[in-house]
Amino acid sequence: MKDQTGGAVKERVKTQQKEPTLFKVVLLNDDYTTMEFVIQVLESVFQKSPAEAYRIMMHVHQNGSGIAGIYPWEVAETKVETVTSLARHAQFPLRAAIEEA
């Protein structure tokens, strides 16, 4: 049997695991969605405590937008779709957007 490497030393290739790129899910303020509904969405979809949900809701209300959470792309996309679906079902114009973190 002949040496298949041709006499060269074969190096072991190390695979590096890279953390996934993270994205912010941002809630956008509007004049029609109730504060209670936004708090409910933050608690149910984003698993925020009542105090944290209230703080984020007030930030959205006062500043026009606020970060609901930071996730990998697929999770962020699912959260945005869930928020949009819940809002449409409740007949609110609440919107969420994805931004690179």
Protein backbone atom coordinates (compact mmCIF):
# COMPACT_ATOMS: atom_id res chain seq x y z
CA MET A 1 0.00 0.00 0.00
CA LYS A 2 1.24 3.41 -0.93
CA ASP A 3 1.00 6.41 1.37
CA GLN A 4 -1.96 8.45 0.09
CA THR A 5 -0.68 11.77 1.45
CA GLY A 6 2.45 11.64 -0.69
CA GLY A 7 4.71 11.84 2.33
CA ALA A 8 3.22 15.15 3.54
CA VAL A 9 1.98 15.53 7.06
CA LYS A 10 -1.77 15.78 7.10
CA GLU A 11 -3.15 18.48 9.43
CA ARG A 12 -6.29 17.96 11.37
CA VAL A 13 -8.82 20.63 10.43
CA LYS A 14 -10.49 22.28 13.40
CA THR A 15 -14.09 23.26 12.90
CA GLN A 16 -15.09 26.48 14.58
CA GLN A 17 -18.60 26.98 15.79
CA LYS A 18 -19.87 30.47 15.11
CA GLU A 19 -22.59 32.08 17.17
CA PRO A 20 -25.66 32.92 15.09
CA THR A 21 -26.24 36.54 14.14
CA LEU A 22 -28.80 38.08 16.46
CA PHE A 23 -31.71 40.31 15.53
CA LYS A 24 -33.83 42.72 17.57
CA VAL A 25 -37.61 42.41 17.51
CA VAL A 26 -38.86 45.98 17.73
CA LEU A 27 -42.45 46.94 18.58
CA LEU A 28 -43.72 50.06 16.81
CA ASN A 29 -46.10 52.52 18.43
CA ASP A 30 -49.49 53.39 16.97
CA ASP A 31 -52.45 55.43 18.21
CA TYR A 32 -54.98 52.58 18.34
CA THR A 33 -53.46 49.51 20.01
CA THR A 34 -54.26 49.51 23.71
CA MET A 35 -51.50 49.49 26.31
CA GLU A 36 -53.09 46.42 27.88
CA PHE A 37 -52.85 44.50 24.60
CA VAL A 38 -49.16 45.41 24.18
CA ILE A 39 -48.45 44.23 27.73
CA GLN A 40 -50.34 40.99 27.04
CA VAL A 41 -48.27 40.40 23.87
CA LEU A 42 -45.01 41.09 25.70
CA GLU A 43 -45.94 38.66 28.48
CA SER A 44 -47.27 35.86 26.25
CA VAL A 45 -45.04 36.04 23.15
CA PHE A 46 -41.81 37.36 24.67
CA GLN A 47 -42.17 35.81 28.19
CA LYS A 48 -41.63 39.14 29.95
CA SER A 49 -42.59 39.68 33.57
CA PRO A 50 -45.50 42.09 34.16
CA ALA A 51 -43.08 44.79 35.36
CA GLU A 52 -40.73 44.35 32.38
CA ALA A 53 -43.68 44.25 29.95
CA TYR A 54 -45.00 47.51 31.41
CA ARG A 55 -41.56 49.16 31.15
CA ILE A 56 -41.15 48.13 27.49
CA MET A 57 -44.72 49.18 26.66
CA MET A 58 -44.13 52.65 28.16
CA HIS A 59 -40.87 52.97 26.23
CA VAL A 60 -42.70 52.12 22.99
CA HIS A 61 -45.49 54.55 23.88
CA GLN A 62 -43.13 57.44 24.68
CA ASN A 63 -40.40 56.87 22.08
CA GLY A 64 -42.26 55.35 19.13
CA SER A 65 -40.53 51.98 19.29
CA GLY A 66 -38.93 49.59 21.74
CA ILE A 67 -37.00 46.33 21.77
CA ALA A 68 -39.11 43.36 22.81
CA GLY A 69 -36.27 40.84 22.54
CA ILE A 70 -33.10 39.76 20.73
CA TYR A 71 -33.09 36.40 18.93
CA PRO A 72 -31.56 34.44 16.04
CA TRP A 73 -33.24 35.21 12.68
CA GLU A 74 -35.71 32.30 12.61
CA VAL A 75 -36.92 32.97 16.16
CA ALA A 76 -37.21 36.73 15.53
CA GLU A 77 -39.17 36.10 12.34
CA THR A 78 -41.56 33.75 14.15
CA LYS A 79 -42.08 36.27 16.98
CA VAL A 80 -42.90 39.05 14.47
CA GLU A 81 -45.38 36.79 12.66
CA THR A 82 -46.99 35.82 15.98
CA VAL A 83 -47.32 39.47 17.08
CA THR A 84 -48.83 40.44 13.72
CA SER A 85 -51.26 37.52 13.81
CA LEU A 86 -52.40 38.25 17.37
CA ALA A 87 -52.82 41.95 16.58
CA ARG A 88 -54.84 41.30 13.43
CA HIS A 89 -57.04 38.82 15.26
CA ALA A 90 -57.70 41.43 17.97
CA GLN A 91 -58.20 44.08 15.26
CA PHE A 92 -55.25 46.23 16.33
CA PRO A 93 -52.66 47.75 13.95
CA LEU A 94 -49.71 46.81 16.21
CA ARG A 95 -46.59 46.14 14.15
CA ALA A 96 -43.23 44.57 14.92
CA ALA A 97 -40.04 44.83 12.89
CA ILE A 98 -36.71 43.02 12.77
CA GLU A 99 -33.41 44.90 13.00
CA GLU A 100 -29.88 43.53 13.15
CA ALA A 101 -28.58 43.62 16.71
